[in-house]
Amino acid sequence: MMTQMNMIKALNSALEVQLEKDPNIVIFGEDVGFFGGVFRVTDGLQAKFGEHRVFDSPLAEGGIAAIAMGMGLNGLRPVAEIQFADYIFPAYDQIVNEIAKVRHRSGGEFTAPLTFRTPAGGGIKGGHHHSQSPEAQFTHTPGLKVVYCSTPYNAKGLLTAAIECNDPVIFFEPKRCYRGPFYGDPHNVPTWNDHPDAEVPEGHYIVPMEEARIVREGEACTVIAWGTMVHVCEQAIKDSGIDCELIDLQTLVPWDRDTVVNSIKKTGRCVIVHEAPKTSGFGAEMSASIQERCFYHLEAPITRVTGWDTPFPHTTEWDYMPSPERIAAAIKKTQED
């Protein structure tokens, strides 16, 4: 059965379905229990499943990661929330030096089937320390899977796939999309269906982590994005008047090279869009990989539209994040070369 859900409700539904399905799943993090999470994603779960399965942790991200690792190694499937992606860095050593390497260090004898959920990106006036998009820093670590959802439907399906995966997953949730992808946007860009909710199945389903989503087909240019930027790109393509193919990457590691390469071989042009800073952003890795595979099919240079190489600003965040105007201009530029 399908029902209307925004992203918060869809993520909550995924967690509820998984808690009912598997008694080894536990959820914990800062304020996720009684309060239901700062963004209310875990609302009602402790009341339904008890304090032994949904519980609060201290303000200690390194401890959260270490506890999650111990749980995963001993038969549980923990889903740990890092309240903001900006504060995942105190847990960075545990994640990249320990958790990501468990399978390889043990020769496959042990795995760490755990998921770190964390809200990322700007758009809520969070300032320097509540607005960053650190996905690229985890894509450089073999052993981790990195996911970035964009809609209620893929949020629930991807989170389900992440929880059921036997390897550790960093699951980024674009907070600007929680109640509709442009919640609070002064430009009043429409949502994917002009409504903050979308049709989402009530029960269990999976969106495969290794597959990108073709949002719209086109012939003139391939536009690649993830998270909130998928919706910004939709508006930019409309504004440009150019027949673009839009790809929602969904999973950054492993990313769907076949879908991307096949699209660029068809269009001959490519624009990559992400909210994180440009230097060493994941768009740089994609650009290099695309050039290696599509050099003789490219009719114009690969273009990146990104956040600026500065700390995330507070009062001027809408000038920092890629806008429909900046993206549309980049799309048009590919047609001139």
C-alpha atoms as a PDB file:
ATOM      1  CA  MET A   1       0.000   0.000   0.000  1.00  0.00           C
ATOM      2  CA  MET A   2       1.271   3.486  -0.878  1.00  0.00           C
ATOM      3  CA  THR A   3       0.918   6.511   1.369  1.00  0.00           C
ATOM      4  CA  GLN A   4       1.968  10.157   1.354  1.00  0.00           C
ATOM      5  CA  MET A   5       5.207  10.744   3.263  1.00  0.00           C
ATOM      6  CA  ASN A   6       7.804  13.450   3.494  1.00  0.00           C
ATOM      7  CA  MET A   7      11.422  12.359   3.941  1.00  0.00           C
ATOM      8  CA  ILE A   8      11.249  12.397   7.744  1.00  0.00           C
ATOM      9  CA  LYS A   9       8.237  10.089   7.732  1.00  0.00           C
ATOM     10  CA  ALA A  10       9.811   7.845   5.083  1.00  0.00           C
ATOM     11  CA  LEU A  11      13.007   7.398   7.091  1.00  0.00           C
ATOM     12  CA  ASN A  12      10.983   6.790  10.246  1.00  0.00           C
ATOM     13  CA  SER A  13       8.955   4.172   8.374  1.00  0.00           C
ATOM     14  CA  ALA A  14      12.123   2.410   7.190  1.00  0.00           C
ATOM     15  CA  LEU A  15      13.423   2.230  10.750  1.00  0.00           C
ATOM     16  CA  GLU A  16      10.097   0.995  12.093  1.00  0.00           C
ATOM     17  CA  VAL A  17       9.812  -1.736   9.443  1.00  0.00           C
ATOM     18  CA  GLN A  18      13.369  -2.886  10.137  1.00  0.00           C
ATOM     19  CA  LEU A  19      12.884  -2.934  13.912  1.00  0.00           C
ATOM     20  CA  GLU A  20       9.818  -5.126  13.437  1.00  0.00           C
ATOM     21  CA  LYS A  21      11.562  -7.370  10.925  1.00  0.00           C
ATOM     22  CA  ASP A  22      14.864  -8.029  12.706  1.00  0.00           C
ATOM     23  CA  PRO A  23      15.272  -8.247  16.521  1.00  0.00           C
ATOM     24  CA  ASN A  24      19.035  -7.671  16.126  1.00  0.00           C
ATOM     25  CA  ILE A  25      18.534  -4.092  14.954  1.00  0.00           C
ATOM     26  CA  VAL A  26      19.098  -1.342  17.526  1.00  0.00           C
ATOM     27  CA  ILE A  27      18.968   2.430  17.085  1.00  0.00           C
ATOM     28  CA  PHE A  28      20.897   4.898  19.196  1.00  0.00           C
ATOM     29  CA  GLY A  29      22.454   8.339  19.184  1.00  0.00           C
ATOM     30  CA  GLU A  30      22.097  11.772  20.728  1.00  0.00           C
ATOM     31  CA  ASP A  31      18.429  12.491  21.587  1.00  0.00           C
ATOM     32  CA  VAL A  32      17.079   9.724  19.334  1.00  0.00           C
ATOM     33  CA  GLY A  33      15.175   7.938  22.106  1.00  0.00           C
ATOM     34  CA  PHE A  34      12.598   9.775  24.224  1.00  0.00           C
ATOM     35  CA  PHE A  35      12.836  12.999  22.203  1.00  0.00           C
ATOM     36  CA  GLY A  36      12.714  11.248  18.815  1.00  0.00           C
ATOM     37  CA  GLY A  37      15.731  12.985  17.299  1.00  0.00           C
ATOM     38  CA  VAL A  38      16.411  16.672  16.714  1.00  0.00           C
ATOM     39  CA  PHE A  39      14.668  16.360  13.314  1.00  0.00           C
ATOM     40  CA  ARG A  40      12.097  13.825  14.636  1.00  0.00           C
ATOM     41  CA  VAL A  41      13.241  10.985  12.383  1.00  0.00           C
ATOM     42  CA  THR A  42      13.105   8.484  15.274  1.00  0.00           C
ATOM     43  CA  ASP A  43       9.896   9.885  16.748  1.00  0.00           C
ATOM     44  CA  GLY A  44       7.765   7.256  18.492  1.00  0.00           C
ATOM     45  CA  LEU A  45      10.189   4.375  18.009  1.00  0.00           C
ATOM     46  CA  GLN A  46      11.342   4.123  21.619  1.00  0.00           C
ATOM     47  CA  ALA A  47       7.753   4.128  22.854  1.00  0.00           C
ATOM     48  CA  LYS A  48       6.913   1.264  20.506  1.00  0.00           C
ATOM     49  CA  PHE A  49      10.054  -0.888  20.739  1.00  0.00           C
ATOM     50  CA  GLY A  50      11.441  -0.068  24.161  1.00  0.00           C
ATOM     51  CA  GLU A  51      14.518   1.572  25.640  1.00  0.00           C
ATOM     52  CA  HIS A  52      16.678  -1.482  25.027  1.00  0.00           C
ATOM     53  CA  ARG A  53      16.344  -1.126  21.242  1.00  0.00           C
ATOM     54  CA  VAL A  54      16.017   2.650  20.767  1.00  0.00           C
ATOM     55  CA  PHE A  55      18.086   4.641  23.225  1.00  0.00           C
ATOM     56  CA  ASP A  56      20.029   7.842  23.797  1.00  0.00           C
ATOM     57  CA  SER A  57      23.810   8.120  23.851  1.00  0.00           C
ATOM     58  CA  PRO A  58      26.127  10.679  25.457  1.00  0.00           C
ATOM     59  CA  LEU A  59      27.413  13.595  23.391  1.00  0.00           C
ATOM     60  CA  ALA A  60      30.427  11.563  22.305  1.00  0.00           C
ATOM     61  CA  GLU A  61      30.585  10.668  18.616  1.00  0.00           C
ATOM     62  CA  GLY A  62      33.773   8.641  19.023  1.00  0.00           C
ATOM     63  CA  GLY A  63      31.997   6.572  21.637  1.00  0.00           C
ATOM     64  CA  ILE A  64      28.938   6.169  19.402  1.00  0.00           C
ATOM     65  CA  ALA A  65      31.133   4.771  16.612  1.00  0.00           C
ATOM     66  CA  ALA A  66      33.052   2.466  18.943  1.00  0.00           C
ATOM     67  CA  ILE A  67      29.857   1.086  20.501  1.00  0.00           C
ATOM     68  CA  ALA A  68      28.334   0.569  17.052  1.00  0.00           C
ATOM     69  CA  MET A  69      31.413  -1.355  15.956  1.00  0.00           C
ATOM     70  CA  GLY A  70      31.291  -3.607  19.012  1.00  0.00           C
ATOM     71  CA  MET A  71      27.614  -4.274  18.456  1.00  0.00           C
ATOM     72  CA  GLY A  72      28.152  -5.090  14.786  1.00  0.00           C
ATOM     73  CA  LEU A  73      30.979  -7.502  15.543  1.00  0.00           C
ATOM     74  CA  ASN A  74      28.805  -9.334  18.054  1.00  0.00           C
ATOM     75  CA  GLY A  75      25.719 -10.066  15.975  1.00  0.00           C
ATOM     76  CA  LEU A  76      23.665  -6.868  16.145  1.00  0.00           C
ATOM     77  CA  ARG A  77      22.844  -4.463  13.316  1.00  0.00           C
ATOM     78  CA  PRO A  78      23.143  -1.017  14.882  1.00  0.00           C
ATOM     79  CA  VAL A  79      21.810   2.138  13.262  1.00  0.00           C
ATOM     80  CA  ALA A  80      23.705   5.008  14.878  1.00  0.00           C
ATOM     81  CA  GLU A  81      22.678   8.621  14.360  1.00  0.00           C
ATOM     82  CA  ILE A  82      25.278  11.378  14.220  1.00  0.00           C
ATOM     83  CA  GLN A  83      23.081  14.388  14.934  1.00  0.00           C
ATOM     84  CA  PHE A  84      24.751  16.604  12.293  1.00  0.00           C
ATOM     85  CA  ALA A  85      27.259  15.483   9.654  1.00  0.00           C
ATOM     86  CA  ASP A  86      29.588  18.247  10.854  1.00  0.00           C
ATOM     87  CA  TYR A  87      30.050  16.316  14.102  1.00  0.00           C
ATOM     88  CA  ILE A  88      30.985  13.027  12.536  1.00  0.00           C
ATOM     89  CA  PHE A  89      34.657  14.026  12.656  1.00  0.00           C
ATOM     90  CA  PRO A  90      35.231  13.107  16.320  1.00  0.00           C
ATOM     91  CA  ALA A  91      34.268   9.592  15.176  1.00  0.00           C
ATOM     92  CA  TYR A  92      36.436   9.745  12.046  1.00  0.00           C
ATOM     93  CA  ASP A  93      39.303   7.682  13.425  1.00  0.00           C
ATOM     94  CA  GLN A  94      37.001   4.896  14.593  1.00  0.00           C
ATOM     95  CA  ILE A  95      35.154   4.852  11.271  1.00  0.00           C
ATOM     96  CA  VAL A  96      38.068   4.962   8.806  1.00  0.00           C
ATOM     97  CA  ASN A  97      40.792   3.170  10.786  1.00  0.00           C
ATOM     98  CA  GLU A  98      38.750   0.502  12.518  1.00  0.00           C
ATOM     99  CA  ILE A  99      35.223  -0.018  11.190  1.00  0.00           C
ATOM    100  CA  ALA A 100      36.079   0.281   7.486  1.00  0.00           C
ATOM    101  CA  LYS A 101      38.890  -2.257   7.789  1.00  0.00           C
ATOM    102  CA  VAL A 102      37.262  -5.013   9.842  1.00  0.00           C
ATOM    103  CA  ARG A 103      36.418  -7.288   6.908  1.00  0.00           C
ATOM    104  CA  HIS A 104      39.882  -6.941   5.371  1.00  0.00           C
ATOM    105  CA  ARG A 105      41.858  -7.228   8.601  1.00  0.00           C
ATOM    106  CA  SER A 106      40.024 -10.420   9.542  1.00  0.00           C
ATOM    107  CA  GLY A 107      40.246 -12.007   6.107  1.00  0.00           C
ATOM    108  CA  GLY A 108      36.469 -11.912   5.857  1.00  0.00           C
ATOM    109  CA  GLU A 109      35.936 -13.684   9.201  1.00  0.00           C
ATOM    110  CA  PHE A 110      34.244 -10.620  10.706  1.00  0.00           C
ATOM    111  CA  THR A 111      32.021  -7.922   9.236  1.00  0.00           C
ATOM    112  CA  ALA A 112      30.642  -4.675  10.615  1.00  0.00           C
ATOM    113  CA  PRO A 113      26.993  -4.510   9.500  1.00  0.00           C
ATOM    114  CA  LEU A 114      26.250  -1.046  10.810  1.00  0.00           C
ATOM    115  CA  THR A 115      24.768   2.176   9.469  1.00  0.00           C
ATOM    116  CA  PHE A 116      25.603   5.750  10.410  1.00  0.00           C
ATOM    117  CA  ARG A 117      22.697   8.085   9.629  1.00  0.00           C
ATOM    118  CA  THR A 118      23.546  11.775   9.550  1.00  0.00           C
ATOM    119  CA  PRO A 119      21.819  14.970   8.300  1.00  0.00           C
ATOM    120  CA  ALA A 120      24.008  16.981   5.926  1.00  0.00           C
ATOM    121  CA  GLY A 121      23.995  20.128   3.829  1.00  0.00           C
ATOM    122  CA  GLY A 122      22.710  23.671   4.224  1.00  0.00           C
ATOM    123  CA  GLY A 123      19.452  25.479   3.785  1.00  0.00           C
ATOM    124  CA  ILE A 124      18.332  25.799   7.403  1.00  0.00           C
ATOM    125  CA  LYS A 125      20.604  28.683   8.517  1.00  0.00           C
ATOM    126  CA  GLY A 126      22.803  26.297  10.463  1.00  0.00           C
ATOM    127  CA  GLY A 127      26.011  28.249   9.926  1.00  0.00           C
ATOM    128  CA  HIS A 128      29.557  26.895   9.886  1.00  0.00           C
ATOM    129  CA  HIS A 129      29.054  23.827  12.053  1.00  0.00           C
ATOM    130  CA  HIS A 130      25.609  22.559  11.037  1.00  0.00           C
ATOM    131  CA  SER A 131      25.635  22.868   7.232  1.00  0.00           C
ATOM    132  CA  GLN A 132      28.591  20.986   5.770  1.00  0.00           C
ATOM    133  CA  SER A 133      28.549  18.172   3.211  1.00  0.00           C
ATOM    134  CA  PRO A 134      31.532  15.942   4.064  1.00  0.00           C
ATOM    135  CA  GLU A 135      30.691  12.993   1.801  1.00  0.00           C
ATOM    136  CA  ALA A 136      33.944  13.154  -0.203  1.00  0.00           C
ATOM    137  CA  GLN A 137      36.015  12.566   2.927  1.00  0.00           C
ATOM    138  CA  PHE A 138      34.464   9.119   3.306  1.00  0.00           C
ATOM    139  CA  THR A 139      34.501   8.123  -0.359  1.00  0.00           C
ATOM    140  CA  HIS A 140      38.312   8.004  -0.062  1.00  0.00           C
ATOM    141  CA  THR A 141      38.146   5.166   2.495  1.00  0.00           C
ATOM    142  CA  PRO A 142      37.960   1.617   1.061  1.00  0.00           C
ATOM    143  CA  GLY A 143      35.594  -0.555   3.052  1.00  0.00           C
ATOM    144  CA  LEU A 144      32.839   2.038   3.452  1.00  0.00           C
ATOM    145  CA  LYS A 145      29.711   2.482   1.383  1.00  0.00           C
ATOM    146  CA  VAL A 146      28.499   6.072   1.039  1.00  0.00           C
ATOM    147  CA  VAL A 147      24.852   6.888   0.291  1.00  0.00           C
ATOM    148  CA  TYR A 148      23.129  10.260  -0.209  1.00  0.00           C
ATOM    149  CA  CYS A 149      19.328  10.131  -0.566  1.00  0.00           C
ATOM    150  CA  SER A 150      17.193  12.790  -2.243  1.00  0.00           C
ATOM    151  CA  THR A 151      13.478  11.860  -2.107  1.00  0.00           C
ATOM    152  CA  PRO A 152      11.146  10.180   0.373  1.00  0.00           C
ATOM    153  CA  TYR A 153      10.948   7.091  -1.853  1.00  0.00           C
ATOM    154  CA  ASN A 154      14.680   6.533  -2.254  1.00  0.00           C
ATOM    155  CA  ALA A 155      15.361   7.598   1.340  1.00  0.00           C
ATOM    156  CA  LYS A 156      13.308   4.694   2.683  1.00  0.00           C
ATOM    157  CA  GLY A 157      14.500   2.157   0.105  1.00  0.00           C
ATOM    158  CA  LEU A 158      18.172   3.108   0.384  1.00  0.00           C
ATOM    159  CA  LEU A 159      18.105   3.156   4.189  1.00  0.00           C
ATOM    160  CA  THR A 160      16.561  -0.303   4.180  1.00  0.00           C
ATOM    161  CA  ALA A 161      19.310  -1.539   1.847  1.00  0.00           C
ATOM    162  CA  ALA A 162      21.962   0.091   4.049  1.00  0.00           C
ATOM    163  CA  ILE A 163      20.682  -1.534   7.235  1.00  0.00           C
ATOM    164  CA  GLU A 164      20.588  -4.949   5.572  1.00  0.00           C
ATOM    165  CA  CYS A 165      24.104  -4.553   4.105  1.00  0.00           C
ATOM    166  CA  ASN A 166      26.896  -6.538   5.778  1.00  0.00           C
ATOM    167  CA  ASP A 167      29.385  -3.688   5.390  1.00  0.00           C
ATOM    168  CA  PRO A 168      29.410  -0.284   7.118  1.00  0.00           C
ATOM    169  CA  VAL A 169      27.391   2.448   5.417  1.00  0.00           C
ATOM    170  CA  ILE A 170      27.568   6.217   5.852  1.00  0.00           C
ATOM    171  CA  PHE A 171      24.037   7.407   5.080  1.00  0.00           C
ATOM    172  CA  PHE A 172      23.695  11.125   4.383  1.00  0.00           C
ATOM    173  CA  GLU A 173      20.273  12.744   4.630  1.00  0.00           C
ATOM    174  CA  PRO A 174      19.846  16.230   3.085  1.00  0.00           C
ATOM    175  CA  LYS A 175      18.206  18.186   5.890  1.00  0.00           C
ATOM    176  CA  ARG A 176      16.926  20.767   3.399  1.00  0.00           C
ATOM    177  CA  CYS A 177      14.754  17.973   1.954  1.00  0.00           C
ATOM    178  CA  TYR A 178      13.352  16.661   5.226  1.00  0.00           C
ATOM    179  CA  ARG A 179      10.018  18.472   4.909  1.00  0.00           C
ATOM    180  CA  GLY A 180      10.199  19.041   1.163  1.00  0.00           C
ATOM    181  CA  PRO A 181      13.385  19.559  -0.859  1.00  0.00           C
ATOM    182  CA  PHE A 182      13.289  23.352  -0.760  1.00  0.00           C
ATOM    183  CA  TYR A 183      11.952  23.838   2.720  1.00  0.00           C
ATOM    184  CA  GLY A 184      12.817  27.424   3.668  1.00  0.00           C
ATOM    185  CA  ASP A 185      14.225  28.300   0.224  1.00  0.00           C
ATOM    186  CA  PRO A 186      13.682  32.043  -0.411  1.00  0.00           C
ATOM    187  CA  HIS A 187      13.760  31.387  -4.152  1.00  0.00           C
ATOM    188  CA  ASN A 188      10.584  29.303  -3.726  1.00  0.00           C
ATOM    189  CA  VAL A 189      11.749  26.626  -6.124  1.00  0.00           C
ATOM    190  CA  PRO A 190       9.003  23.994  -6.493  1.00  0.00           C
ATOM    191  CA  THR A 191       9.414  20.512  -5.095  1.00  0.00           C
ATOM    192  CA  TRP A 192       9.489  17.408  -7.284  1.00  0.00           C
ATOM    193  CA  ASN A 193       5.683  17.295  -7.249  1.00  0.00           C
ATOM    194  CA  ASP A 194       4.914  20.778  -5.891  1.00  0.00           C
ATOM    195  CA  HIS A 195       4.113  19.165  -2.543  1.00  0.00           C
ATOM    196  CA  PRO A 196       6.386  18.187   0.351  1.00  0.00           C
ATOM    197  CA  ASP A 197       5.045  14.630   0.425  1.00  0.00           C
ATOM    198  CA  ALA A 198       5.436  11.794  -2.093  1.00  0.00           C
ATOM    199  CA  GLU A 199       4.008   8.324  -2.632  1.00  0.00           C
ATOM    200  CA  VAL A 200       5.975   5.786  -0.580  1.00  0.00           C
ATOM    201  CA  PRO A 201       5.155   2.100   0.082  1.00  0.00           C
ATOM    202  CA  GLU A 202       4.219   1.444   3.707  1.00  0.00           C
ATOM    203  CA  GLY A 203       6.017  -1.907   3.918  1.00  0.00           C
ATOM    204  CA  HIS A 204       9.458  -3.294   3.163  1.00  0.00           C
ATOM    205  CA  TYR A 205      11.241  -2.510  -0.110  1.00  0.00           C
ATOM    206  CA  ILE A 206      14.803  -1.853  -1.245  1.00  0.00           C
ATOM    207  CA  VAL A 207      16.393   0.661  -3.575  1.00  0.00           C
ATOM    208  CA  PRO A 208      19.706  -0.965  -4.625  1.00  0.00           C
ATOM    209  CA  MET A 209      22.652   1.061  -3.402  1.00  0.00           C
ATOM    210  CA  GLU A 210      24.750   0.446  -6.494  1.00  0.00           C
ATOM    211  CA  GLU A 211      22.253   1.904  -8.971  1.00  0.00           C
ATOM    212  CA  ALA A 212      21.832   5.532 -10.023  1.00  0.00           C
ATOM    213  CA  ARG A 213      18.381   6.934 -10.847  1.00  0.00           C
ATOM    214  CA  ILE A 214      17.611   8.592 -14.167  1.00  0.00           C
ATOM    215  CA  VAL A 215      15.316  11.426 -13.082  1.00  0.00           C
ATOM    216  CA  ARG A 216      14.650  12.583 -16.629  1.00  0.00           C
ATOM    217  CA  GLU A 217      15.971  11.505 -20.008  1.00  0.00           C
ATOM    218  CA  GLY A 218      17.557  13.914 -22.459  1.00  0.00           C
ATOM    219  CA  GLU A 219      19.855  14.202 -25.453  1.00  0.00           C
ATOM    220  CA  ALA A 220      21.839  17.433 -25.130  1.00  0.00           C
ATOM    221  CA  CYS A 221      23.706  17.222 -21.813  1.00  0.00           C
ATOM    222  CA  THR A 222      24.095  14.885 -18.811  1.00  0.00           C
ATOM    223  CA  VAL A 223      23.611  16.554 -15.430  1.00  0.00           C
ATOM    224  CA  ILE A 224      24.708  14.539 -12.370  1.00  0.00           C
ATOM    225  CA  ALA A 225      23.801  15.376  -8.775  1.00  0.00           C
ATOM    226  CA  TRP A 226      22.845  13.892  -5.405  1.00  0.00           C
ATOM    227  CA  GLY A 227      20.873  14.999  -2.362  1.00  0.00           C
ATOM    228  CA  THR A 228      19.175  18.398  -2.503  1.00  0.00           C
ATOM    229  CA  MET A 229      21.014  19.327  -5.672  1.00  0.00           C
ATOM    230  CA  VAL A 230      18.922  16.846  -7.656  1.00  0.00           C
ATOM    231  CA  HIS A 231      15.914  19.109  -7.174  1.00  0.00           C
ATOM    232  CA  VAL A 232      17.871  22.298  -7.814  1.00  0.00           C
ATOM    233  CA  CYS A 233      19.058  20.736 -11.082  1.00  0.00           C
ATOM    234  CA  GLU A 234      15.499  19.881 -12.078  1.00  0.00           C
ATOM    235  CA  GLN A 235      14.604  23.564 -11.879  1.00  0.00           C
ATOM    236  CA  ALA A 236      17.837  24.611 -13.612  1.00  0.00           C
ATOM    237  CA  ILE A 237      17.133  22.292 -16.542  1.00  0.00           C
ATOM    238  CA  LYS A 238      13.657  23.778 -16.921  1.00  0.00           C
ATOM    239  CA  ASP A 239      15.097  27.287 -16.791  1.00  0.00           C
ATOM    240  CA  SER A 240      17.813  26.480 -19.344  1.00  0.00           C
ATOM    241  CA  GLY A 241      15.371  25.184 -21.941  1.00  0.00           C
ATOM    242  CA  ILE A 242      17.927  22.523 -22.905  1.00  0.00           C
ATOM    243  CA  ASP A 243      17.073  18.829 -23.214  1.00  0.00           C
ATOM    244  CA  CYS A 244      19.244  17.443 -20.406  1.00  0.00           C
ATOM    245  CA  GLU A 245      19.423  13.983 -18.916  1.00  0.00           C
ATOM    246  CA  LEU A 246      19.411  14.241 -15.112  1.00  0.00           C
ATOM    247  CA  ILE A 247      21.010  11.481 -13.030  1.00  0.00           C
ATOM    248  CA  ASP A 248      20.570  11.176  -9.266  1.00  0.00           C
ATOM    249  CA  LEU A 249      23.690   9.284  -8.239  1.00  0.00           C
ATOM    250  CA  GLN A 250      22.082   8.041  -4.956  1.00  0.00           C
ATOM    251  CA  THR A 251      25.198   6.076  -3.931  1.00  0.00           C
ATOM    252  CA  LEU A 252      28.663   7.600  -4.151  1.00  0.00           C
ATOM    253  CA  VAL A 253      30.483   4.390  -3.192  1.00  0.00           C
ATOM    254  CA  PRO A 254      29.972   2.277  -5.184  1.00  0.00           C
ATOM    255  CA  TRP A 255      28.753   4.705  -7.836  1.00  0.00           C
ATOM    256  CA  ASP A 256      26.959   3.572 -10.967  1.00  0.00           C
ATOM    257  CA  ARG A 257      29.566   4.170 -13.660  1.00  0.00           C
ATOM    258  CA  ASP A 258      27.627   2.301 -16.335  1.00  0.00           C
ATOM    259  CA  THR A 259      24.562   4.553 -16.149  1.00  0.00           C
ATOM    260  CA  VAL A 260      26.716   7.685 -16.141  1.00  0.00           C
ATOM    261  CA  VAL A 261      28.994   6.570 -18.977  1.00  0.00           C
ATOM    262  CA  ASN A 262      26.119   5.413 -21.167  1.00  0.00           C
ATOM    263  CA  SER A 263      24.400   8.758 -20.702  1.00  0.00           C
ATOM    264  CA  ILE A 264      27.476  10.810 -21.555  1.00  0.00           C
ATOM    265  CA  LYS A 265      28.209   8.704 -24.619  1.00  0.00           C
ATOM    266  CA  LYS A 266      24.724   9.688 -25.763  1.00  0.00           C
ATOM    267  CA  THR A 267      24.834  13.414 -24.889  1.00  0.00           C
ATOM    268  CA  GLY A 268      28.540  14.235 -25.272  1.00  0.00           C
ATOM    269  CA  ARG A 269      28.358  16.817 -22.476  1.00  0.00           C
ATOM    270  CA  CYS A 270      28.395  16.688 -18.687  1.00  0.00           C
ATOM    271  CA  VAL A 271      27.696  18.979 -15.724  1.00  0.00           C
ATOM    272  CA  ILE A 272      28.332  17.688 -12.195  1.00  0.00           C
ATOM    273  CA  VAL A 273      26.656  19.492  -9.301  1.00  0.00           C
ATOM    274  CA  HIS A 274      27.271  19.171  -5.566  1.00  0.00           C
ATOM    275  CA  GLU A 275      26.871  21.382  -2.505  1.00  0.00           C
ATOM    276  CA  ALA A 276      30.282  20.611  -0.994  1.00  0.00           C
ATOM    277  CA  PRO A 277      33.332  22.772  -1.866  1.00  0.00           C
ATOM    278  CA  LYS A 278      34.848  22.298  -5.297  1.00  0.00           C
ATOM    279  CA  THR A 279      38.434  21.387  -4.399  1.00  0.00           C
ATOM    280  CA  SER A 280      38.705  17.612  -3.886  1.00  0.00           C
ATOM    281  CA  GLY A 281      34.923  17.279  -3.911  1.00  0.00           C
ATOM    282  CA  PHE A 282      33.483  14.015  -5.201  1.00  0.00           C
ATOM    283  CA  GLY A 283      32.759  15.754  -8.505  1.00  0.00           C
ATOM    284  CA  ALA A 284      36.516  15.830  -9.141  1.00  0.00           C
ATOM    285  CA  GLU A 285      36.746  12.037  -8.862  1.00  0.00           C
ATOM    286  CA  MET A 286      33.739  11.637 -11.137  1.00  0.00           C
ATOM    287  CA  SER A 287      35.170  14.062 -13.673  1.00  0.00           C
ATOM    288  CA  ALA A 288      38.452  12.136 -13.851  1.00  0.00           C
ATOM    289  CA  SER A 289      36.685   8.793 -14.129  1.00  0.00           C
ATOM    290  CA  ILE A 290      34.339  10.078 -16.849  1.00  0.00           C
ATOM    291  CA  GLN A 291      37.256  11.520 -18.820  1.00  0.00           C
ATOM    292  CA  GLU A 292      39.033   8.154 -18.689  1.00  0.00           C
ATOM    293  CA  ARG A 293      36.000   6.356 -20.099  1.00  0.00           C
ATOM    294  CA  CYS A 294      34.365   8.960 -22.354  1.00  0.00           C
ATOM    295  CA  PHE A 295      37.196  11.090 -23.745  1.00  0.00           C
ATOM    296  CA  TYR A 296      36.374  10.472 -27.411  1.00  0.00           C
ATOM    297  CA  HIS A 297      32.643  11.067 -26.824  1.00  0.00           C
ATOM    298  CA  LEU A 298      32.967  14.448 -25.070  1.00  0.00           C
ATOM    299  CA  GLU A 299      32.016  17.477 -27.163  1.00  0.00           C
ATOM    300  CA  ALA A 300      32.785  19.993 -24.395  1.00  0.00           C
ATOM    301  CA  PRO A 301      34.801  20.135 -21.139  1.00  0.00           C
ATOM    302  CA  ILE A 302      33.217  18.513 -18.102  1.00  0.00           C
ATOM    303  CA  THR A 303      31.857  21.284 -15.875  1.00  0.00           C
ATOM    304  CA  ARG A 304      31.424  21.342 -12.085  1.00  0.00           C
ATOM    305  CA  VAL A 305      28.985  23.598 -10.224  1.00  0.00           C
ATOM    306  CA  THR A 306      29.634  23.416  -6.497  1.00  0.00           C
ATOM    307  CA  GLY A 307      29.818  25.224  -3.196  1.00  0.00           C
ATOM    308  CA  TRP A 308      32.659  27.706  -2.877  1.00  0.00           C
ATOM    309  CA  ASP A 309      36.047  26.882  -1.332  1.00  0.00           C
ATOM    310  CA  THR A 310      35.232  28.691   1.902  1.00  0.00           C
ATOM    311  CA  PRO A 311      33.781  27.697   5.262  1.00  0.00           C
ATOM    312  CA  PHE A 312      30.017  27.438   4.983  1.00  0.00           C
ATOM    313  CA  PRO A 313      28.595  30.943   5.591  1.00  0.00           C
ATOM    314  CA  HIS A 314      25.594  31.808   7.726  1.00  0.00           C
ATOM    315  CA  THR A 315      23.998  34.979   6.405  1.00  0.00           C
ATOM    316  CA  THR A 316      24.857  34.307   2.733  1.00  0.00           C
ATOM    317  CA  GLU A 317      24.192  30.567   2.519  1.00  0.00           C
ATOM    318  CA  TRP A 318      21.921  30.928  -0.517  1.00  0.00           C
ATOM    319  CA  ASP A 319      24.796  32.545  -2.420  1.00  0.00           C
ATOM    320  CA  TYR A 320      27.094  29.701  -1.343  1.00  0.00           C
ATOM    321  CA  MET A 321      24.959  26.783  -2.489  1.00  0.00           C
ATOM    322  CA  PRO A 322      24.591  26.070  -6.227  1.00  0.00           C
ATOM    323  CA  SER A 323      21.482  27.824  -7.522  1.00  0.00           C
ATOM    324  CA  PRO A 324      19.279  27.128 -10.542  1.00  0.00           C
ATOM    325  CA  GLU A 325      20.814  30.214 -12.155  1.00  0.00           C
ATOM    326  CA  ARG A 326      24.421  29.008 -11.766  1.00  0.00           C
ATOM    327  CA  ILE A 327      23.572  25.509 -12.980  1.00  0.00           C
ATOM    328  CA  ALA A 328      21.517  26.720 -15.945  1.00  0.00           C
ATOM    329  CA  ALA A 329      24.416  28.944 -16.997  1.00  0.00           C
ATOM    330  CA  ALA A 330      26.797  25.964 -16.865  1.00  0.00           C
ATOM    331  CA  ILE A 331      24.414  23.861 -18.946  1.00  0.00           C
ATOM    332  CA  LYS A 332      24.157  26.586 -21.572  1.00  0.00           C
ATOM    333  CA  LYS A 333      27.945  26.963 -21.635  1.00  0.00           C
ATOM    334  CA  THR A 334      28.354  23.289 -22.599  1.00  0.00           C
ATOM    335  CA  GLN A 335      26.293  23.961 -25.719  1.00  0.00           C
ATOM    336  CA  GLU A 336      28.616  26.740 -26.860  1.00  0.00           C
ATOM    337  CA  ASP A 337      31.833  24.691 -26.962  1.00  0.00           C
END
